[in-house]
Amino acid sequence: MSQIRTKFIQGYFASLIEPKFVPTALKVAGVVGSILFVINHGSALLQGNMGRDRWISAGLTYLVPYFVNIHGQYISLYRQQS
């Protein structure tokens, strides 16, 4: 893997906890994750069918929008600096 790519990936992982990115990412994850949670798990929750695997999936429902939002913010900043 090239040095530039390695540095880019390390920068992305560092940005996951970057104070200027986190507030927006949490808001997006809360809204988008909640919508996706209701779509994908709402009926199971109401019926009491939320097993371990489904709770793991529900957690990912919130993590994915967080990671995607951080990625968007990081790419935008990276391009501005290039």
PDB file of N, CA and C in Angstrom:
ATOM      1  N   MET A   1       0.856  -1.175   0.000  1.00  0.00           N
ATOM      2  CA  MET A   1       0.000   0.000   0.000  1.00  0.00           C
ATOM      3  C   MET A   1       0.902   1.238   0.000  1.00  0.00           C
ATOM      4  N   SER A   2       0.521   2.206  -0.779  1.00  0.00           N
ATOM      5  CA  SER A   2       1.345   3.406  -0.874  1.00  0.00           C
ATOM      6  C   SER A   2       1.326   4.201   0.426  1.00  0.00           C
ATOM      7  N   GLN A   3       2.355   4.998   0.598  1.00  0.00           N
ATOM      8  CA  GLN A   3       2.471   5.811   1.813  1.00  0.00           C
ATOM      9  C   GLN A   3       1.342   6.834   1.907  1.00  0.00           C
ATOM     10  N   ILE A   4       0.931   7.386   0.765  1.00  0.00           N
ATOM     11  CA  ILE A   4      -0.163   8.370   0.755  1.00  0.00           C
ATOM     12  C   ILE A   4      -1.459   7.723   1.202  1.00  0.00           C
ATOM     13  N   ARG A   5      -1.736   6.528   0.679  1.00  0.00           N
ATOM     14  CA  ARG A   5      -2.965   5.814   1.049  1.00  0.00           C
ATOM     15  C   ARG A   5      -2.958   5.458   2.534  1.00  0.00           C
ATOM     16  N   THR A   6      -1.821   4.991   3.030  1.00  0.00           N
ATOM     17  CA  THR A   6      -1.709   4.642   4.442  1.00  0.00           C
ATOM     18  C   THR A   6      -1.959   5.863   5.319  1.00  0.00           C
ATOM     19  N   LYS A   7      -1.363   6.987   4.945  1.00  0.00           N
ATOM     20  CA  LYS A   7      -1.552   8.224   5.708  1.00  0.00           C
ATOM     21  C   LYS A   7      -3.014   8.671   5.671  1.00  0.00           C
ATOM     22  N   PHE A   8      -3.666   8.519   4.505  1.00  0.00           N
ATOM     23  CA  PHE A   8      -5.073   8.880   4.352  1.00  0.00           C
ATOM     24  C   PHE A   8      -5.949   8.027   5.277  1.00  0.00           C
ATOM     25  N   ILE A   9      -5.710   6.730   5.279  1.00  0.00           N
ATOM     26  CA  ILE A   9      -6.513   5.810   6.099  1.00  0.00           C
ATOM     27  C   ILE A   9      -6.293   6.091   7.589  1.00  0.00           C
ATOM     28  N   GLN A  10      -5.044   6.321   7.982  1.00  0.00           N
ATOM     29  CA  GLN A  10      -4.767   6.658   9.379  1.00  0.00           C
ATOM     30  C   GLN A  10      -5.463   7.957   9.769  1.00  0.00           C
ATOM     31  N   GLY A  11      -5.470   8.924   8.848  1.00  0.00           N
ATOM     32  CA  GLY A  11      -6.162  10.184   9.100  1.00  0.00           C
ATOM     33  C   GLY A  11      -7.652   9.986   9.283  1.00  0.00           C
ATOM     34  N   TYR A  12      -8.232   9.101   8.473  1.00  0.00           N
ATOM     35  CA  TYR A  12      -9.666   8.822   8.603  1.00  0.00           C
ATOM     36  C   TYR A  12      -9.976   8.234   9.979  1.00  0.00           C
ATOM     37  N   PHE A  13      -9.205   7.233  10.389  1.00  0.00           N
ATOM     38  CA  PHE A  13      -9.468   6.619  11.691  1.00  0.00           C
ATOM     39  C   PHE A  13      -9.282   7.624  12.825  1.00  0.00           C
ATOM     40  N   ALA A  14      -8.313   8.502  12.714  1.00  0.00           N
ATOM     41  CA  ALA A  14      -8.133   9.550  13.719  1.00  0.00           C
ATOM     42  C   ALA A  14      -9.323  10.507  13.717  1.00  0.00           C
ATOM     43  N   SER A  15      -9.908  10.742  12.547  1.00  0.00           N
ATOM     44  CA  SER A  15     -11.027  11.679  12.447  1.00  0.00           C
ATOM     45  C   SER A  15     -12.309  11.143  13.085  1.00  0.00           C
ATOM     46  N   LEU A  16     -12.363   9.839  13.359  1.00  0.00           N
ATOM     47  CA  LEU A  16     -13.557   9.262  13.992  1.00  0.00           C
ATOM     48  C   LEU A  16     -13.831   9.858  15.372  1.00  0.00           C
ATOM     49  N   ILE A  17     -12.795  10.405  15.996  1.00  0.00           N
ATOM     50  CA  ILE A  17     -12.977  11.039  17.300  1.00  0.00           C
ATOM     51  C   ILE A  17     -12.560  12.507  17.278  1.00  0.00           C
ATOM     52  N   GLU A  18     -12.464  13.075  16.086  1.00  0.00           N
ATOM     53  CA  GLU A  18     -12.083  14.485  15.927  1.00  0.00           C
ATOM     54  C   GLU A  18     -13.202  15.377  16.458  1.00  0.00           C
ATOM     55  N   PRO A  19     -12.902  16.229  17.451  1.00  0.00           N
ATOM     56  CA  PRO A  19     -13.945  17.063  18.069  1.00  0.00           C
ATOM     57  C   PRO A  19     -14.729  17.946  17.093  1.00  0.00           C
ATOM     58  N   LYS A  20     -14.126  18.373  15.997  1.00  0.00           N
ATOM     59  CA  LYS A  20     -14.877  19.216  15.066  1.00  0.00           C
ATOM     60  C   LYS A  20     -15.797  18.398  14.152  1.00  0.00           C
ATOM     61  N   PHE A  21     -15.607  17.088  14.067  1.00  0.00           N
ATOM     62  CA  PHE A  21     -16.459  16.227  13.236  1.00  0.00           C
ATOM     63  C   PHE A  21     -17.557  15.529  14.031  1.00  0.00           C
ATOM     64  N   VAL A  22     -17.263  15.179  15.279  1.00  0.00           N
ATOM     65  CA  VAL A  22     -18.144  14.319  16.077  1.00  0.00           C
ATOM     66  C   VAL A  22     -19.557  14.875  16.284  1.00  0.00           C
ATOM     67  N   PRO A  23     -19.746  16.158  16.631  1.00  0.00           N
ATOM     68  CA  PRO A  23     -21.120  16.622  16.895  1.00  0.00           C
ATOM     69  C   PRO A  23     -22.062  16.438  15.696  1.00  0.00           C
ATOM     70  N   THR A  24     -21.593  16.781  14.513  1.00  0.00           N
ATOM     71  CA  THR A  24     -22.431  16.613  13.322  1.00  0.00           C
ATOM     72  C   THR A  24     -22.691  15.138  13.052  1.00  0.00           C
ATOM     73  N   ALA A  25     -21.655  14.326  13.178  1.00  0.00           N
ATOM     74  CA  ALA A  25     -21.804  12.897  12.918  1.00  0.00           C
ATOM     75  C   ALA A  25     -22.786  12.251  13.900  1.00  0.00           C
ATOM     76  N   LEU A  26     -22.755  12.677  15.163  1.00  0.00           N
ATOM     77  CA  LEU A  26     -23.698  12.126  16.144  1.00  0.00           C
ATOM     78  C   LEU A  26     -25.137  12.510  15.816  1.00  0.00           C
ATOM     79  N   LYS A  27     -25.331  13.742  15.387  1.00  0.00           N
ATOM     80  CA  LYS A  27     -26.691  14.178  15.015  1.00  0.00           C
ATOM     81  C   LYS A  27     -27.202  13.375  13.822  1.00  0.00           C
ATOM     82  N   VAL A  28     -26.362  13.224  12.807  1.00  0.00           N
ATOM     83  CA  VAL A  28     -26.763  12.462  11.620  1.00  0.00           C
ATOM     84  C   VAL A  28     -27.034  11.014  11.995  1.00  0.00           C
ATOM     85  N   ALA A  29     -26.150  10.417  12.782  1.00  0.00           N
ATOM     86  CA  ALA A  29     -26.338   9.026  13.188  1.00  0.00           C
ATOM     87  C   ALA A  29     -27.619   8.859  14.001  1.00  0.00           C
ATOM     88  N   GLY A  30     -27.923   9.843  14.846  1.00  0.00           N
ATOM     89  CA  GLY A  30     -29.153   9.766  15.644  1.00  0.00           C
ATOM     90  C   GLY A  30     -30.397   9.807  14.787  1.00  0.00           C
ATOM     91  N   VAL A  31     -30.431  10.720  13.834  1.00  0.00           N
ATOM     92  CA  VAL A  31     -31.622  10.856  12.983  1.00  0.00           C
ATOM     93  C   VAL A  31     -31.715   9.709  11.977  1.00  0.00           C
ATOM     94  N   VAL A  32     -30.663   9.523  11.186  1.00  0.00           N
ATOM     95  CA  VAL A  32     -30.688   8.476  10.154  1.00  0.00           C
ATOM     96  C   VAL A  32     -30.768   7.094  10.791  1.00  0.00           C
ATOM     97  N   GLY A  33     -29.982   6.883  11.850  1.00  0.00           N
ATOM     98  CA  GLY A  33     -30.018   5.589  12.533  1.00  0.00           C
ATOM     99  C   GLY A  33     -31.391   5.266  13.097  1.00  0.00           C
ATOM    100  N   SER A  34     -32.070   6.266  13.650  1.00  0.00           N
ATOM    101  CA  SER A  34     -33.414   6.033  14.201  1.00  0.00           C
ATOM    102  C   SER A  34     -34.422   5.684  13.113  1.00  0.00           C
ATOM    103  N   ILE A  35     -34.331   6.375  11.993  1.00  0.00           N
ATOM    104  CA  ILE A  35     -35.225   6.063  10.874  1.00  0.00           C
ATOM    105  C   ILE A  35     -34.976   4.636  10.397  1.00  0.00           C
ATOM    106  N   LEU A  36     -33.701   4.284  10.217  1.00  0.00           N
ATOM    107  CA  LEU A  36     -33.376   2.926   9.771  1.00  0.00           C
ATOM    108  C   LEU A  36     -33.750   1.878  10.820  1.00  0.00           C
ATOM    109  N   PHE A  37     -33.596   2.228  12.104  1.00  0.00           N
ATOM    110  CA  PHE A  37     -33.969   1.300  13.168  1.00  0.00           C
ATOM    111  C   PHE A  37     -35.458   0.973  13.097  1.00  0.00           C
ATOM    112  N   VAL A  38     -36.276   1.997  12.945  1.00  0.00           N
ATOM    113  CA  VAL A  38     -37.728   1.776  12.873  1.00  0.00           C
ATOM    114  C   VAL A  38     -38.077   0.932  11.655  1.00  0.00           C
ATOM    115  N   ILE A  39     -37.464   1.244  10.522  1.00  0.00           N
ATOM    116  CA  ILE A  39     -37.742   0.480   9.297  1.00  0.00           C
ATOM    117  C   ILE A  39     -37.337  -0.979   9.457  1.00  0.00           C
ATOM    118  N   ASN A  40     -36.122  -1.203   9.976  1.00  0.00           N
ATOM    119  CA  ASN A  40     -35.575  -2.564  10.003  1.00  0.00           C
ATOM    120  C   ASN A  40     -35.913  -3.373  11.253  1.00  0.00           C
ATOM    121  N   HIS A  41     -36.146  -2.701  12.373  1.00  0.00           N
ATOM    122  CA  HIS A  41     -36.312  -3.437  13.632  1.00  0.00           C
ATOM    123  C   HIS A  41     -37.552  -3.043  14.425  1.00  0.00           C
ATOM    124  N   GLY A  42     -38.307  -2.087  13.945  1.00  0.00           N
ATOM    125  CA  GLY A  42     -39.456  -1.595  14.693  1.00  0.00           C
ATOM    126  C   GLY A  42     -40.457  -2.664  15.062  1.00  0.00           C
ATOM    127  N   SER A  43     -40.851  -3.477  14.092  1.00  0.00           N
ATOM    128  CA  SER A  43     -41.857  -4.502  14.389  1.00  0.00           C
ATOM    129  C   SER A  43     -41.310  -5.556  15.345  1.00  0.00           C
ATOM    130  N   ALA A  44     -40.046  -5.913  15.196  1.00  0.00           N
ATOM    131  CA  ALA A  44     -39.434  -6.892  16.112  1.00  0.00           C
ATOM    132  C   ALA A  44     -39.386  -6.339  17.533  1.00  0.00           C
ATOM    133  N   LEU A  45     -39.083  -5.053  17.674  1.00  0.00           N
ATOM    134  CA  LEU A  45     -39.048  -4.432  19.002  1.00  0.00           C
ATOM    135  C   LEU A  45     -40.437  -4.448  19.631  1.00  0.00           C
ATOM    136  N   LEU A  46     -41.434  -4.071  18.853  1.00  0.00           N
ATOM    137  CA  LEU A  46     -42.804  -4.040  19.370  1.00  0.00           C
ATOM    138  C   LEU A  46     -43.324  -5.430  19.731  1.00  0.00           C
ATOM    139  N   GLN A  47     -42.851  -6.439  19.005  1.00  0.00           N
ATOM    140  CA  GLN A  47     -43.295  -7.814  19.265  1.00  0.00           C
ATOM    141  C   GLN A  47     -42.430  -8.529  20.307  1.00  0.00           C
ATOM    142  N   GLY A  48     -41.388  -7.847  20.787  1.00  0.00           N
ATOM    143  CA  GLY A  48     -40.514  -8.451  21.788  1.00  0.00           C
ATOM    144  C   GLY A  48     -39.568  -9.492  21.219  1.00  0.00           C
ATOM    145  N   ASN A  49     -39.230  -9.360  19.939  1.00  0.00           N
ATOM    146  CA  ASN A  49     -38.373 -10.340  19.276  1.00  0.00           C
ATOM    147  C   ASN A  49     -36.954  -9.823  19.027  1.00  0.00           C
ATOM    148  N   MET A  50     -36.454  -9.011  19.924  1.00  0.00           N
ATOM    149  CA  MET A  50     -35.114  -8.451  19.745  1.00  0.00           C
ATOM    150  C   MET A  50     -34.088  -9.338  20.446  1.00  0.00           C
ATOM    151  N   GLY A  51     -33.547 -10.273  19.700  1.00  0.00           N
ATOM    152  CA  GLY A  51     -32.499 -11.140  20.237  1.00  0.00           C
ATOM    153  C   GLY A  51     -31.133 -10.482  20.123  1.00  0.00           C
ATOM    154  N   ARG A  52     -30.119 -11.199  20.559  1.00  0.00           N
ATOM    155  CA  ARG A  52     -28.742 -10.687  20.549  1.00  0.00           C
ATOM    156  C   ARG A  52     -28.312 -10.246  19.153  1.00  0.00           C
ATOM    157  N   ASP A  53     -28.537 -11.090  18.163  1.00  0.00           N
ATOM    158  CA  ASP A  53     -28.126 -10.757  16.794  1.00  0.00           C
ATOM    159  C   ASP A  53     -28.828  -9.509  16.284  1.00  0.00           C
ATOM    160  N   ARG A  54     -30.086  -9.374  16.609  1.00  0.00           N
ATOM    161  CA  ARG A  54     -30.831  -8.206  16.147  1.00  0.00           C
ATOM    162  C   ARG A  54     -30.346  -6.933  16.836  1.00  0.00           C
ATOM    163  N   TRP A  55     -29.959  -7.025  18.115  1.00  0.00           N
ATOM    164  CA  TRP A  55     -29.422  -5.847  18.808  1.00  0.00           C
ATOM    165  C   TRP A  55     -28.070  -5.443  18.228  1.00  0.00           C
ATOM    166  N   ILE A  56     -27.267  -6.420  17.838  1.00  0.00           N
ATOM    167  CA  ILE A  56     -25.995  -6.108  17.173  1.00  0.00           C
ATOM    168  C   ILE A  56     -26.267  -5.388  15.861  1.00  0.00           C
ATOM    169  N   SER A  57     -27.209  -5.890  15.099  1.00  0.00           N
ATOM    170  CA  SER A  57     -27.598  -5.250  13.844  1.00  0.00           C
ATOM    171  C   SER A  57     -28.130  -3.838  14.095  1.00  0.00           C
ATOM    172  N   ALA A  58     -28.882  -3.667  15.164  1.00  0.00           N
ATOM    173  CA  ALA A  58     -29.415  -2.342  15.504  1.00  0.00           C
ATOM    174  C   ALA A  58     -28.283  -1.374  15.839  1.00  0.00           C
ATOM    175  N   GLY A  59     -27.277  -1.850  16.536  1.00  0.00           N
ATOM    176  CA  GLY A  59     -26.119  -1.009  16.827  1.00  0.00           C
ATOM    177  C   GLY A  59     -25.416  -0.565  15.556  1.00  0.00           C
ATOM    178  N   LEU A  60     -25.275  -1.468  14.622  1.00  0.00           N
ATOM    179  CA  LEU A  60     -24.663  -1.130  13.326  1.00  0.00           C
ATOM    180  C   LEU A  60     -25.520  -0.136  12.553  1.00  0.00           C
ATOM    181  N   THR A  61     -26.821  -0.179  12.792  1.00  0.00           N
ATOM    182  CA  THR A  61     -27.737   0.759  12.153  1.00  0.00           C
ATOM    183  C   THR A  61     -27.384   2.198  12.515  1.00  0.00           C
ATOM    184  N   TYR A  62     -26.831   2.403  13.691  1.00  0.00           N
ATOM    185  CA  TYR A  62     -26.398   3.731  14.118  1.00  0.00           C
ATOM    186  C   TYR A  62     -24.923   4.004  13.775  1.00  0.00           C
ATOM    187  N   LEU A  63     -24.101   2.975  13.813  1.00  0.00           N
ATOM    188  CA  LEU A  63     -22.676   3.171  13.539  1.00  0.00           C
ATOM    189  C   LEU A  63     -22.393   3.515  12.082  1.00  0.00           C
ATOM    190  N   VAL A  64     -23.085   2.869  11.166  1.00  0.00           N
ATOM    191  CA  VAL A  64     -22.810   3.098   9.746  1.00  0.00           C
ATOM    192  C   VAL A  64     -23.041   4.556   9.346  1.00  0.00           C
ATOM    193  N   PRO A  65     -24.178   5.185   9.688  1.00  0.00           N
ATOM    194  CA  PRO A  65     -24.323   6.603   9.337  1.00  0.00           C
ATOM    195  C   PRO A  65     -23.264   7.489   9.996  1.00  0.00           C
ATOM    196  N   TYR A  66     -22.834   7.133  11.200  1.00  0.00           N
ATOM    197  CA  TYR A  66     -21.773   7.887  11.869  1.00  0.00           C
ATOM    198  C   TYR A  66     -20.488   7.814  11.048  1.00  0.00           C
ATOM    199  N   PHE A  67     -20.081   6.596  10.680  1.00  0.00           N
ATOM    200  CA  PHE A  67     -18.855   6.409   9.897  1.00  0.00           C
ATOM    201  C   PHE A  67     -18.940   7.103   8.545  1.00  0.00           C
ATOM    202  N   VAL A  68     -20.083   7.013   7.899  1.00  0.00           N
ATOM    203  CA  VAL A  68     -20.252   7.640   6.582  1.00  0.00           C
ATOM    204  C   VAL A  68     -20.182   9.160   6.701  1.00  0.00           C
ATOM    205  N   ASN A  69     -20.807   9.724   7.730  1.00  0.00           N
ATOM    206  CA  ASN A  69     -20.753  11.170   7.902  1.00  0.00           C
ATOM    207  C   ASN A  69     -19.331  11.637   8.191  1.00  0.00           C
ATOM    208  N   ILE A  70     -18.625  10.936   9.052  1.00  0.00           N
ATOM    209  CA  ILE A  70     -17.230  11.282   9.335  1.00  0.00           C
ATOM    210  C   ILE A  70     -16.425  11.214   8.037  1.00  0.00           C
ATOM    211  N   HIS A  71     -16.652  10.183   7.259  1.00  0.00           N
ATOM    212  CA  HIS A  71     -15.944  10.039   5.983  1.00  0.00           C
ATOM    213  C   HIS A  71     -16.196  11.247   5.092  1.00  0.00           C
ATOM    214  N   GLY A  72     -17.434  11.672   4.979  1.00  0.00           N
ATOM    215  CA  GLY A  72     -17.761  12.834   4.158  1.00  0.00           C
ATOM    216  C   GLY A  72     -17.080  14.093   4.642  1.00  0.00           C
ATOM    217  N   GLN A  73     -17.089  14.298   5.948  1.00  0.00           N
ATOM    218  CA  GLN A  73     -16.430  15.476   6.506  1.00  0.00           C
ATOM    219  C   GLN A  73     -14.919  15.410   6.291  1.00  0.00           C
ATOM    220  N   TYR A  74     -14.345  14.228   6.486  1.00  0.00           N
ATOM    221  CA  TYR A  74     -12.901  14.059   6.327  1.00  0.00           C
ATOM    222  C   TYR A  74     -12.485  14.272   4.870  1.00  0.00           C
ATOM    223  N   ILE A  75     -13.226  13.701   3.935  1.00  0.00           N
ATOM    224  CA  ILE A  75     -12.926  13.866   2.507  1.00  0.00           C
ATOM    225  C   ILE A  75     -12.998  15.342   2.129  1.00  0.00           C
ATOM    226  N   SER A  76     -14.018  16.032   2.614  1.00  0.00           N
ATOM    227  CA  SER A  76     -14.182  17.450   2.291  1.00  0.00           C
ATOM    228  C   SER A  76     -12.967  18.246   2.792  1.00  0.00           C
ATOM    229  N   LEU A  77     -12.569  18.008   4.022  1.00  0.00           N
ATOM    230  CA  LEU A  77     -11.408  18.716   4.571  1.00  0.00           C
ATOM    231  C   LEU A  77     -10.135  18.323   3.833  1.00  0.00           C
ATOM    232  N   TYR A  78      -9.989  17.060   3.523  1.00  0.00           N
ATOM    233  CA  TYR A  78      -8.809  16.558   2.809  1.00  0.00           C
ATOM    234  C   TYR A  78      -8.687  17.222   1.438  1.00  0.00           C
ATOM    235  N   ARG A  79      -9.787  17.326   0.744  1.00  0.00           N
ATOM    236  CA  ARG A  79      -9.776  17.970  -0.595  1.00  0.00           C
ATOM    237  C   ARG A  79      -9.490  19.453  -0.516  1.00  0.00           C
ATOM    238  N   GLN A  80      -9.987  20.119   0.508  1.00  0.00           N
ATOM    239  CA  GLN A  80      -9.714  21.544   0.686  1.00  0.00           C
ATOM    240  C   GLN A  80      -8.236  21.793   0.941  1.00  0.00           C
ATOM    241  N   GLN A  81      -7.587  20.854   1.647  1.00  0.00           N
ATOM    242  CA  GLN A  81      -6.183  21.018   1.981  1.00  0.00           C
ATOM    243  C   GLN A  81      -5.249  20.606   0.850  1.00  0.00           C
ATOM    244  N   SER A  82      -5.782  19.876  -0.113  1.00  0.00           N
ATOM    245  CA  SER A  82      -4.928  19.410  -1.234  1.00  0.00           C
ATOM    246  C   SER A  82      -4.766  20.474  -2.296  1.00  0.00           C
TER     247      SER A  82
END
